[in-house]
Amino acid sequence: AQSPVNGHSPHGAPKPFTVRVACDVHGVKYNVRLSFIGIPTMNTLINAVDNYFDVVARVNHPPGCPDVPFSLAALQIFDINMQKWVNLTDPFMITDDAQLFAFQPASVWHPDRPGTIPVPESVETWTALSNGPKRTTVPDVPNKSVMIINVFKDMDCMNEGMLRFTDLRDALLRYGMELTTSTTGELFTRIDKKKDGVITTDEWVEYCRENPRFVEAVYCKANDARALQHMPHYPTALSPSQYERFQSLREAQADRRPMSLSHSPRY
C-alpha cells in the first residue's frame, strides 16, 4: 500500500488533506480550512498560510495601519491527546483537519486578542509560484461587486464578455497562483455551470459570491501583476533564508498561546 505522504490512497486516487489555521489579523480572529494533496511540506504549508492571511490583511486594511506583508513568526498545533497547544516542528505532527494557530510578530497592529477561535471557512487553497509577481500595495480596495467585475475584465483579455479555459489558465499563471488540490480545468468546470465551455459574467459572479476569499486573492494578485507588468518578476515563494527566519522566530515566540476553540476539533 502507498503511504499517504505521497498524496495518494492505496488505489491511486488523490487523497485530500485539510488543515485548519487560525490567526489574529488587525485585532480580529480568523480561521480557515486549507486543503492539500497529502500531508503538505512545511514550505508548502507556510506558503499557503502566508498568502491567505496576507490577502486577509490587505483587503481588511484599517486606515492608518502600515501596509506590510503578512509575516509568519510561529505555528502551533492543538494536540488532541495532550489537550494543549504545542509548537509545530514537523509536518508529520499534522493529522487530517488538525487545528493550527499562526502568529505574526507581536505589534500594536496585530495584537494577540483574547477570545475563541471561530468555526473555519473552507476556501480554494493556493500557493505562490516562485516566478510570480512581487507583492505591491493595493491602494483602494473596492466593494465585492466591483472587485468581482474588475477581475473578470482583467482575465477577459480579448474583451469577449466571457472567459475561456485559456483565459483562466493564463490569468492564474500571470498572477503567480497555483491551486493545491484542483487543476485549472477542474476549477473552470466548477464555475462553468452551463457546461458550454465558457464562463459568463453571471457564472463568474455566482462563483465569486460563494467563494469571496478566492476573488479577494485573485484581485490582490491581479493588482500585483498589473503594477509590475513592465518590470521583471520577483520570487515570492519561501526561500531557505526565509524558512530559517521562520524557525528562529517560532522558537523565540514559543511562550505565546492561542485562545480556546469555539468548537470541538475533529480528528
C-alpha atoms as a PDB file:
ATOM      1  CA  ALA A   1       0.000   0.000   0.000  1.00  0.00           C
ATOM      2  CA  GLN A   2       1.159   3.506  -0.762  1.00  0.00           C
ATOM      3  CA  SER A   3       1.895   5.895   2.059  1.00  0.00           C
ATOM      4  CA  PRO A   4      -0.380   8.962   2.402  1.00  0.00           C
ATOM      5  CA  VAL A   5       2.813  11.033   2.364  1.00  0.00           C
ATOM      6  CA  ASN A   6       2.926  10.854  -1.411  1.00  0.00           C
ATOM      7  CA  GLY A   7      -0.594  12.269  -1.583  1.00  0.00           C
ATOM      8  CA  HIS A   8      -2.381   9.164  -2.874  1.00  0.00           C
ATOM      9  CA  SER A   9      -4.562   6.444  -1.442  1.00  0.00           C
ATOM     10  CA  PRO A  10      -3.686   2.741  -1.944  1.00  0.00           C
ATOM     11  CA  HIS A  11      -5.943   2.811  -5.015  1.00  0.00           C
ATOM     12  CA  GLY A  12      -4.044   5.680  -6.624  1.00  0.00           C
ATOM     13  CA  ALA A  13      -6.720   8.379  -6.175  1.00  0.00           C
ATOM     14  CA  PRO A  14      -5.624  11.755  -4.788  1.00  0.00           C
ATOM     15  CA  LYS A  15      -6.136  11.985  -1.041  1.00  0.00           C
ATOM     16  CA  PRO A  16      -7.451  15.366   0.117  1.00  0.00           C
ATOM     17  CA  PHE A  17      -5.816  16.541   3.317  1.00  0.00           C
ATOM     18  CA  THR A  18      -7.165  19.556   5.227  1.00  0.00           C
ATOM     19  CA  VAL A  19      -5.615  21.778   7.871  1.00  0.00           C
ATOM     20  CA  ARG A  20      -7.422  24.455   9.888  1.00  0.00           C
ATOM     21  CA  VAL A  21      -5.346  27.569  10.538  1.00  0.00           C
ATOM     22  CA  ALA A  22      -6.412  30.456  12.771  1.00  0.00           C
ATOM     23  CA  CYS A  23      -4.760  33.847  13.177  1.00  0.00           C
ATOM     24  CA  ASP A  24      -5.302  37.320  14.656  1.00  0.00           C
ATOM     25  CA  VAL A  25      -5.277  39.887  11.844  1.00  0.00           C
ATOM     26  CA  HIS A  26      -5.855  43.559  12.673  1.00  0.00           C
ATOM     27  CA  GLY A  27      -7.347  42.520  16.005  1.00  0.00           C
ATOM     28  CA  VAL A  28      -9.856  40.035  14.511  1.00  0.00           C
ATOM     29  CA  LYS A  29      -9.652  36.241  14.758  1.00  0.00           C
ATOM     30  CA  TYR A  30      -9.926  34.316  11.507  1.00  0.00           C
ATOM     31  CA  ASN A  31      -9.971  30.573  10.930  1.00  0.00           C
ATOM     32  CA  VAL A  32      -9.623  28.884   7.549  1.00  0.00           C
ATOM     33  CA  ARG A  33      -9.620  25.309   6.287  1.00  0.00           C
ATOM     34  CA  LEU A  34      -6.815  24.869   3.760  1.00  0.00           C
ATOM     35  CA  SER A  35      -6.662  21.762   1.561  1.00  0.00           C
ATOM     36  CA  PHE A  36      -3.737  19.876   0.069  1.00  0.00           C
ATOM     37  CA  ILE A  37      -2.974  16.616  -1.734  1.00  0.00           C
ATOM     38  CA  GLY A  38      -1.496  14.587   1.095  1.00  0.00           C
ATOM     39  CA  ILE A  39       0.440  15.952   4.062  1.00  0.00           C
ATOM     40  CA  PRO A  40       1.950  19.288   2.964  1.00  0.00           C
ATOM     41  CA  THR A  41       5.617  20.031   3.389  1.00  0.00           C
ATOM     42  CA  MET A  42       6.469  22.840   5.800  1.00  0.00           C
ATOM     43  CA  ASN A  43       7.381  25.082   2.853  1.00  0.00           C
ATOM     44  CA  THR A  44       4.039  24.442   1.123  1.00  0.00           C
ATOM     45  CA  LEU A  45       2.081  24.951   4.344  1.00  0.00           C
ATOM     46  CA  ILE A  46       3.904  28.190   5.181  1.00  0.00           C
ATOM     47  CA  ASN A  47       3.447  29.421   1.603  1.00  0.00           C
ATOM     48  CA  ALA A  48      -0.329  28.813   1.747  1.00  0.00           C
ATOM     49  CA  VAL A  49      -0.710  30.344   5.230  1.00  0.00           C
ATOM     50  CA  ASP A  50       1.393  33.388   4.314  1.00  0.00           C
ATOM     51  CA  ASN A  51      -0.562  34.086   1.154  1.00  0.00           C
ATOM     52  CA  TYR A  52      -4.027  33.505   2.609  1.00  0.00           C
ATOM     53  CA  PHE A  53      -3.575  35.778   5.611  1.00  0.00           C
ATOM     54  CA  ASP A  54      -1.663  38.379   3.596  1.00  0.00           C
ATOM     55  CA  VAL A  55      -4.763  38.779   1.427  1.00  0.00           C
ATOM     56  CA  VAL A  56      -6.961  38.983   4.543  1.00  0.00           C
ATOM     57  CA  ALA A  57      -4.698  41.724   5.902  1.00  0.00           C
ATOM     58  CA  ARG A  58      -4.671  43.627   2.602  1.00  0.00           C
ATOM     59  CA  VAL A  59      -8.432  43.702   1.992  1.00  0.00           C
ATOM     60  CA  ASN A  60      -9.231  44.480   5.645  1.00  0.00           C
ATOM     61  CA  HIS A  61      -6.517  47.098   5.996  1.00  0.00           C
ATOM     62  CA  PRO A  62      -7.636  49.711   8.598  1.00  0.00           C
ATOM     63  CA  PRO A  63      -6.886  53.406   7.990  1.00  0.00           C
ATOM     64  CA  GLY A  64      -3.538  54.481   9.393  1.00  0.00           C
ATOM     65  CA  CYS A  65      -2.154  50.960   9.660  1.00  0.00           C
ATOM     66  CA  PRO A  66       1.114  50.405   7.746  1.00  0.00           C
ATOM     67  CA  ASP A  67       0.638  48.118   4.757  1.00  0.00           C
ATOM     68  CA  VAL A  68       3.307  45.476   5.248  1.00  0.00           C
ATOM     69  CA  PRO A  69       3.349  41.847   4.028  1.00  0.00           C
ATOM     70  CA  PHE A  70       1.998  39.208   6.386  1.00  0.00           C
ATOM     71  CA  SER A  71       4.898  37.671   8.313  1.00  0.00           C
ATOM     72  CA  LEU A  72       4.592  34.255   9.951  1.00  0.00           C
ATOM     73  CA  ALA A  73       6.540  34.174  13.226  1.00  0.00           C
ATOM     74  CA  ALA A  74       5.292  30.906  14.740  1.00  0.00           C
ATOM     75  CA  LEU A  75       2.947  27.982  14.098  1.00  0.00           C
ATOM     76  CA  GLN A  76       1.363  25.897  16.837  1.00  0.00           C
ATOM     77  CA  ILE A  77      -0.885  22.856  16.646  1.00  0.00           C
ATOM     78  CA  PHE A  78      -3.573  21.703  19.062  1.00  0.00           C
ATOM     79  CA  ASP A  79      -2.513  18.272  20.337  1.00  0.00           C
ATOM     80  CA  ILE A  80      -5.759  16.339  20.815  1.00  0.00           C
ATOM     81  CA  ASN A  81      -4.126  13.749  23.079  1.00  0.00           C
ATOM     82  CA  MET A  82      -2.411  16.203  25.418  1.00  0.00           C
ATOM     83  CA  GLN A  83      -5.257  18.734  25.053  1.00  0.00           C
ATOM     84  CA  LYS A  84      -2.874  21.636  24.670  1.00  0.00           C
ATOM     85  CA  TRP A  85      -1.086  23.769  22.078  1.00  0.00           C
ATOM     86  CA  VAL A  86       2.423  22.739  21.073  1.00  0.00           C
ATOM     87  CA  ASN A  87       4.951  24.111  18.592  1.00  0.00           C
ATOM     88  CA  LEU A  88       4.683  22.647  15.105  1.00  0.00           C
ATOM     89  CA  THR A  89       8.174  21.388  14.330  1.00  0.00           C
ATOM     90  CA  ASP A  90       7.488  18.681  11.750  1.00  0.00           C
ATOM     91  CA  PRO A  91       4.723  18.158   9.159  1.00  0.00           C
ATOM     92  CA  PHE A  92       4.222  14.605  10.418  1.00  0.00           C
ATOM     93  CA  MET A  93       2.749  16.127  13.591  1.00  0.00           C
ATOM     94  CA  ILE A  94      -0.231  17.221  11.463  1.00  0.00           C
ATOM     95  CA  THR A  95      -3.258  14.960  11.286  1.00  0.00           C
ATOM     96  CA  ASP A  96      -6.091  15.440   8.828  1.00  0.00           C
ATOM     97  CA  ASP A  97      -8.191  18.513   9.762  1.00  0.00           C
ATOM     98  CA  ALA A  98      -5.876  19.424  12.660  1.00  0.00           C
ATOM     99  CA  GLN A  99      -6.227  22.903  14.149  1.00  0.00           C
ATOM    100  CA  LEU A 100      -3.221  25.223  13.853  1.00  0.00           C
ATOM    101  CA  PHE A 101      -2.656  28.766  15.056  1.00  0.00           C
ATOM    102  CA  ALA A 102      -0.443  31.190  13.135  1.00  0.00           C
ATOM    103  CA  PHE A 103       1.339  34.008  14.986  1.00  0.00           C
ATOM    104  CA  GLN A 104       2.655  37.201  13.472  1.00  0.00           C
ATOM    105  CA  PRO A 105       5.419  39.118  15.237  1.00  0.00           C
ATOM    106  CA  ALA A 106       3.704  40.887  18.141  1.00  0.00           C
ATOM    107  CA  SER A 107       2.895  44.527  17.363  1.00  0.00           C
ATOM    108  CA  VAL A 108       0.294  47.176  18.094  1.00  0.00           C
ATOM    109  CA  TRP A 109      -1.214  46.468  14.680  1.00  0.00           C
ATOM    110  CA  HIS A 110      -1.615  42.722  15.181  1.00  0.00           C
ATOM    111  CA  PRO A 111      -2.057  42.073  18.918  1.00  0.00           C
ATOM    112  CA  ASP A 112      -2.910  38.621  20.297  1.00  0.00           C
ATOM    113  CA  ARG A 113      -6.598  39.067  21.183  1.00  0.00           C
ATOM    114  CA  PRO A 114      -8.332  37.067  23.924  1.00  0.00           C
ATOM    115  CA  GLY A 115     -11.258  35.076  22.605  1.00  0.00           C
ATOM    116  CA  THR A 116     -12.285  31.824  20.996  1.00  0.00           C
ATOM    117  CA  ILE A 117     -11.242  30.542  17.599  1.00  0.00           C
ATOM    118  CA  PRO A 118     -14.222  30.716  15.213  1.00  0.00           C
ATOM    119  CA  VAL A 119     -15.554  27.875  13.101  1.00  0.00           C
ATOM    120  CA  PRO A 120     -13.339  27.633   9.978  1.00  0.00           C
ATOM    121  CA  GLU A 121     -14.381  28.648   6.496  1.00  0.00           C
ATOM    122  CA  SER A 122     -13.324  26.464   3.573  1.00  0.00           C
ATOM    123  CA  VAL A 123     -11.516  28.191   0.708  1.00  0.00           C
ATOM    124  CA  GLU A 124      -9.878  27.468  -2.639  1.00  0.00           C
ATOM    125  CA  THR A 125      -6.318  26.908  -1.427  1.00  0.00           C
ATOM    126  CA  TRP A 126      -3.396  28.237  -3.467  1.00  0.00           C
ATOM    127  CA  THR A 127       0.315  28.839  -3.176  1.00  0.00           C
ATOM    128  CA  ALA A 128       2.521  31.468  -4.826  1.00  0.00           C
ATOM    129  CA  LEU A 129       4.668  30.454  -7.779  1.00  0.00           C
ATOM    130  CA  SER A 130       8.346  31.282  -7.399  1.00  0.00           C
ATOM    131  CA  ASN A 131       8.311  33.420 -10.567  1.00  0.00           C
ATOM    132  CA  GLY A 132       5.078  35.220  -9.714  1.00  0.00           C
ATOM    133  CA  PRO A 133       4.709  38.998  -9.329  1.00  0.00           C
ATOM    134  CA  LYS A 134       6.048  40.701  -6.229  1.00  0.00           C
ATOM    135  CA  ARG A 135       3.539  41.927  -3.671  1.00  0.00           C
ATOM    136  CA  THR A 136       2.552  45.568  -4.087  1.00  0.00           C
ATOM    137  CA  THR A 137       0.233  47.894  -2.206  1.00  0.00           C
ATOM    138  CA  VAL A 138      -3.472  47.764  -3.019  1.00  0.00           C
ATOM    139  CA  PRO A 139      -4.304  51.487  -2.899  1.00  0.00           C
ATOM    140  CA  ASP A 140      -8.087  51.292  -2.631  1.00  0.00           C
ATOM    141  CA  VAL A 141      -9.919  48.013  -2.080  1.00  0.00           C
ATOM    142  CA  PRO A 142     -13.335  48.262  -3.758  1.00  0.00           C
ATOM    143  CA  ASN A 143     -16.513  46.577  -2.601  1.00  0.00           C
ATOM    144  CA  LYS A 144     -17.008  42.944  -3.588  1.00  0.00           C
ATOM    145  CA  SER A 145     -19.199  43.646  -6.628  1.00  0.00           C
ATOM    146  CA  VAL A 146     -16.653  45.999  -8.173  1.00  0.00           C
ATOM    147  CA  MET A 147     -13.824  43.617  -7.250  1.00  0.00           C
ATOM    148  CA  ILE A 148     -15.550  40.691  -8.983  1.00  0.00           C
ATOM    149  CA  ILE A 149     -16.163  42.601 -12.207  1.00  0.00           C
ATOM    150  CA  ASN A 150     -12.684  44.150 -12.266  1.00  0.00           C
ATOM    151  CA  VAL A 151     -11.071  40.708 -12.019  1.00  0.00           C
ATOM    152  CA  PHE A 152     -13.339  39.345 -14.747  1.00  0.00           C
ATOM    153  CA  LYS A 153     -12.377  42.202 -17.073  1.00  0.00           C
ATOM    154  CA  ASP A 154      -8.692  41.676 -16.312  1.00  0.00           C
ATOM    155  CA  MET A 155      -8.977  37.972 -17.201  1.00  0.00           C
ATOM    156  CA  ASP A 156     -11.009  38.682 -20.360  1.00  0.00           C
ATOM    157  CA  CYS A 157      -8.009  39.726 -22.434  1.00  0.00           C
ATOM    158  CA  MET A 158      -9.925  39.562 -25.748  1.00  0.00           C
ATOM    159  CA  ASN A 159     -12.814  41.645 -24.357  1.00  0.00           C
ATOM    160  CA  GLU A 160     -15.340  38.970 -25.368  1.00  0.00           C
ATOM    161  CA  GLY A 161     -17.546  39.302 -22.298  1.00  0.00           C
ATOM    162  CA  MET A 162     -16.782  35.676 -21.368  1.00  0.00           C
ATOM    163  CA  LEU A 163     -13.869  33.587 -20.128  1.00  0.00           C
ATOM    164  CA  ARG A 164     -12.477  30.590 -21.941  1.00  0.00           C
ATOM    165  CA  PHE A 165     -10.289  27.979 -20.265  1.00  0.00           C
ATOM    166  CA  THR A 166      -7.158  29.599 -21.662  1.00  0.00           C
ATOM    167  CA  ASP A 167      -8.188  32.954 -20.148  1.00  0.00           C
ATOM    168  CA  LEU A 168      -8.462  31.444 -16.664  1.00  0.00           C
ATOM    169  CA  ARG A 169      -5.290  29.375 -17.067  1.00  0.00           C
ATOM    170  CA  ASP A 170      -3.204  32.271 -18.369  1.00  0.00           C
ATOM    171  CA  ALA A 171      -4.534  34.660 -15.715  1.00  0.00           C
ATOM    172  CA  LEU A 172      -3.621  32.398 -12.799  1.00  0.00           C
ATOM    173  CA  LEU A 173      -0.145  31.926 -14.276  1.00  0.00           C
ATOM    174  CA  ARG A 174       0.197  35.684 -14.760  1.00  0.00           C
ATOM    175  CA  TYR A 175      -0.866  36.258 -11.153  1.00  0.00           C
ATOM    176  CA  GLY A 176       1.572  33.606  -9.904  1.00  0.00           C
ATOM    177  CA  MET A 177      -1.129  31.428  -8.308  1.00  0.00           C
ATOM    178  CA  GLU A 178      -1.070  27.622  -8.167  1.00  0.00           C
ATOM    179  CA  LEU A 179      -4.051  25.684  -6.800  1.00  0.00           C
ATOM    180  CA  THR A 180      -3.163  22.980  -4.277  1.00  0.00           C
ATOM    181  CA  THR A 181      -5.921  20.396  -4.764  1.00  0.00           C
ATOM    182  CA  SER A 182      -7.564  21.323  -8.075  1.00  0.00           C
ATOM    183  CA  THR A 183      -6.337  21.701 -11.609  1.00  0.00           C
ATOM    184  CA  THR A 184      -7.262  24.853 -13.507  1.00  0.00           C
ATOM    185  CA  GLY A 185      -9.518  22.665 -15.646  1.00  0.00           C
ATOM    186  CA  GLU A 186     -11.398  21.406 -12.584  1.00  0.00           C
ATOM    187  CA  LEU A 187     -11.844  24.959 -11.323  1.00  0.00           C
ATOM    188  CA  PHE A 188     -13.109  26.031 -14.749  1.00  0.00           C
ATOM    189  CA  THR A 189     -15.631  23.174 -14.776  1.00  0.00           C
ATOM    190  CA  ARG A 190     -16.978  24.138 -11.335  1.00  0.00           C
ATOM    191  CA  ILE A 191     -17.523  27.736 -12.438  1.00  0.00           C
ATOM    192  CA  ASP A 192     -18.970  26.803 -15.857  1.00  0.00           C
ATOM    193  CA  LYS A 193     -22.371  25.703 -14.531  1.00  0.00           C
ATOM    194  CA  LYS A 194     -23.956  25.533 -18.009  1.00  0.00           C
ATOM    195  CA  LYS A 195     -21.139  23.266 -19.249  1.00  0.00           C
ATOM    196  CA  ASP A 196     -20.938  25.131 -22.534  1.00  0.00           C
ATOM    197  CA  GLY A 197     -17.177  25.705 -22.476  1.00  0.00           C
ATOM    198  CA  VAL A 198     -17.215  29.357 -21.412  1.00  0.00           C
ATOM    199  CA  ILE A 199     -17.658  31.258 -18.146  1.00  0.00           C
ATOM    200  CA  THR A 200     -20.230  34.019 -18.401  1.00  0.00           C
ATOM    201  CA  THR A 201     -20.277  37.070 -16.147  1.00  0.00           C
ATOM    202  CA  ASP A 202     -23.260  35.599 -14.292  1.00  0.00           C
ATOM    203  CA  GLU A 203     -21.416  32.329 -13.658  1.00  0.00           C
ATOM    204  CA  TRP A 204     -18.315  34.213 -12.526  1.00  0.00           C
ATOM    205  CA  VAL A 205     -20.323  36.444 -10.165  1.00  0.00           C
ATOM    206  CA  GLU A 206     -22.125  33.421  -8.692  1.00  0.00           C
ATOM    207  CA  TYR A 207     -18.875  31.552  -8.039  1.00  0.00           C
ATOM    208  CA  CYS A 208     -17.153  34.588  -6.527  1.00  0.00           C
ATOM    209  CA  ARG A 209     -20.062  35.310  -4.191  1.00  0.00           C
ATOM    210  CA  GLU A 210     -19.847  31.721  -2.980  1.00  0.00           C
ATOM    211  CA  ASN A 211     -16.039  31.979  -2.682  1.00  0.00           C
ATOM    212  CA  PRO A 212     -15.306  35.558  -1.561  1.00  0.00           C
ATOM    213  CA  ARG A 213     -11.818  34.787  -0.228  1.00  0.00           C
ATOM    214  CA  PHE A 214     -10.730  33.457  -3.600  1.00  0.00           C
ATOM    215  CA  VAL A 215     -11.820  36.557  -5.518  1.00  0.00           C
ATOM    216  CA  GLU A 216     -10.058  38.701  -2.902  1.00  0.00           C
ATOM    217  CA  ALA A 217      -6.864  36.729  -3.511  1.00  0.00           C
ATOM    218  CA  VAL A 218      -7.202  36.945  -7.290  1.00  0.00           C
ATOM    219  CA  TYR A 219      -7.906  40.688  -7.071  1.00  0.00           C
ATOM    220  CA  CYS A 220      -4.785  41.333  -4.986  1.00  0.00           C
ATOM    221  CA  LYS A 221      -2.559  39.197  -7.219  1.00  0.00           C
ATOM    222  CA  ALA A 222      -4.040  40.757 -10.363  1.00  0.00           C
ATOM    223  CA  ASN A 223      -3.218  44.159  -8.882  1.00  0.00           C
ATOM    224  CA  ASP A 224       0.366  42.984  -8.302  1.00  0.00           C
ATOM    225  CA  ALA A 225       0.643  41.719 -11.876  1.00  0.00           C
ATOM    226  CA  ARG A 226      -0.754  44.937 -13.365  1.00  0.00           C
ATOM    227  CA  ALA A 227       1.590  47.076 -11.270  1.00  0.00           C
ATOM    228  CA  LEU A 228       4.621  45.083 -12.411  1.00  0.00           C
ATOM    229  CA  GLN A 229       3.679  44.161 -15.970  1.00  0.00           C
ATOM    230  CA  HIS A 230       6.577  46.195 -17.362  1.00  0.00           C
ATOM    231  CA  MET A 231       9.051  45.101 -14.692  1.00  0.00           C
ATOM    232  CA  PRO A 232      10.938  41.823 -14.038  1.00  0.00           C
ATOM    233  CA  HIS A 233       9.120  39.292 -11.899  1.00  0.00           C
ATOM    234  CA  TYR A 234      10.417  38.698  -8.408  1.00  0.00           C
ATOM    235  CA  PRO A 235      10.307  35.401  -6.462  1.00  0.00           C
ATOM    236  CA  THR A 236       7.534  35.166  -3.858  1.00  0.00           C
ATOM    237  CA  ALA A 237       7.882  31.543  -2.728  1.00  0.00           C
ATOM    238  CA  LEU A 238       9.538  30.804   0.599  1.00  0.00           C
ATOM    239  CA  SER A 239      13.332  30.815   0.281  1.00  0.00           C
ATOM    240  CA  PRO A 240      15.703  28.817   2.544  1.00  0.00           C
ATOM    241  CA  SER A 241      16.698  32.012   4.355  1.00  0.00           C
ATOM    242  CA  GLN A 242      13.032  32.908   4.961  1.00  0.00           C
ATOM    243  CA  TYR A 243      12.403  29.414   6.328  1.00  0.00           C
ATOM    244  CA  GLU A 244      15.363  29.759   8.705  1.00  0.00           C
ATOM    245  CA  ARG A 245      13.960  33.104   9.870  1.00  0.00           C
ATOM    246  CA  PHE A 246      10.611  31.421  10.480  1.00  0.00           C
ATOM    247  CA  GLN A 247      12.267  28.700  12.562  1.00  0.00           C
ATOM    248  CA  SER A 248      14.134  31.204  14.764  1.00  0.00           C
ATOM    249  CA  LEU A 249      11.082  33.433  15.217  1.00  0.00           C
ATOM    250  CA  ARG A 250       8.973  30.416  16.138  1.00  0.00           C
ATOM    251  CA  GLU A 251      11.416  29.416  18.865  1.00  0.00           C
ATOM    252  CA  ALA A 252      11.542  32.986  20.196  1.00  0.00           C
ATOM    253  CA  GLN A 253       7.742  33.145  20.456  1.00  0.00           C
ATOM    254  CA  ALA A 254       7.143  29.657  21.844  1.00  0.00           C
ATOM    255  CA  ASP A 255       5.525  31.030  25.020  1.00  0.00           C
ATOM    256  CA  ARG A 256       2.641  32.631  23.105  1.00  0.00           C
ATOM    257  CA  ARG A 257      -0.582  30.640  23.153  1.00  0.00           C
ATOM    258  CA  PRO A 258      -3.842  30.945  21.209  1.00  0.00           C
ATOM    259  CA  MET A 259      -7.179  31.012  22.973  1.00  0.00           C
ATOM    260  CA  SER A 260      -9.680  28.168  23.262  1.00  0.00           C
ATOM    261  CA  LEU A 261     -11.614  26.687  20.368  1.00  0.00           C
ATOM    262  CA  SER A 262     -15.257  27.582  19.813  1.00  0.00           C
ATOM    263  CA  HIS A 263     -15.869  24.044  18.556  1.00  0.00           C
ATOM    264  CA  SER A 264     -14.510  20.573  19.184  1.00  0.00           C
ATOM    265  CA  PRO A 265     -11.521  19.641  16.994  1.00  0.00           C
ATOM    266  CA  ARG A 266     -12.368  16.844  14.567  1.00  0.00           C
ATOM    267  CA  TYR A 267      -9.862  14.046  14.063  1.00  0.00           C
END
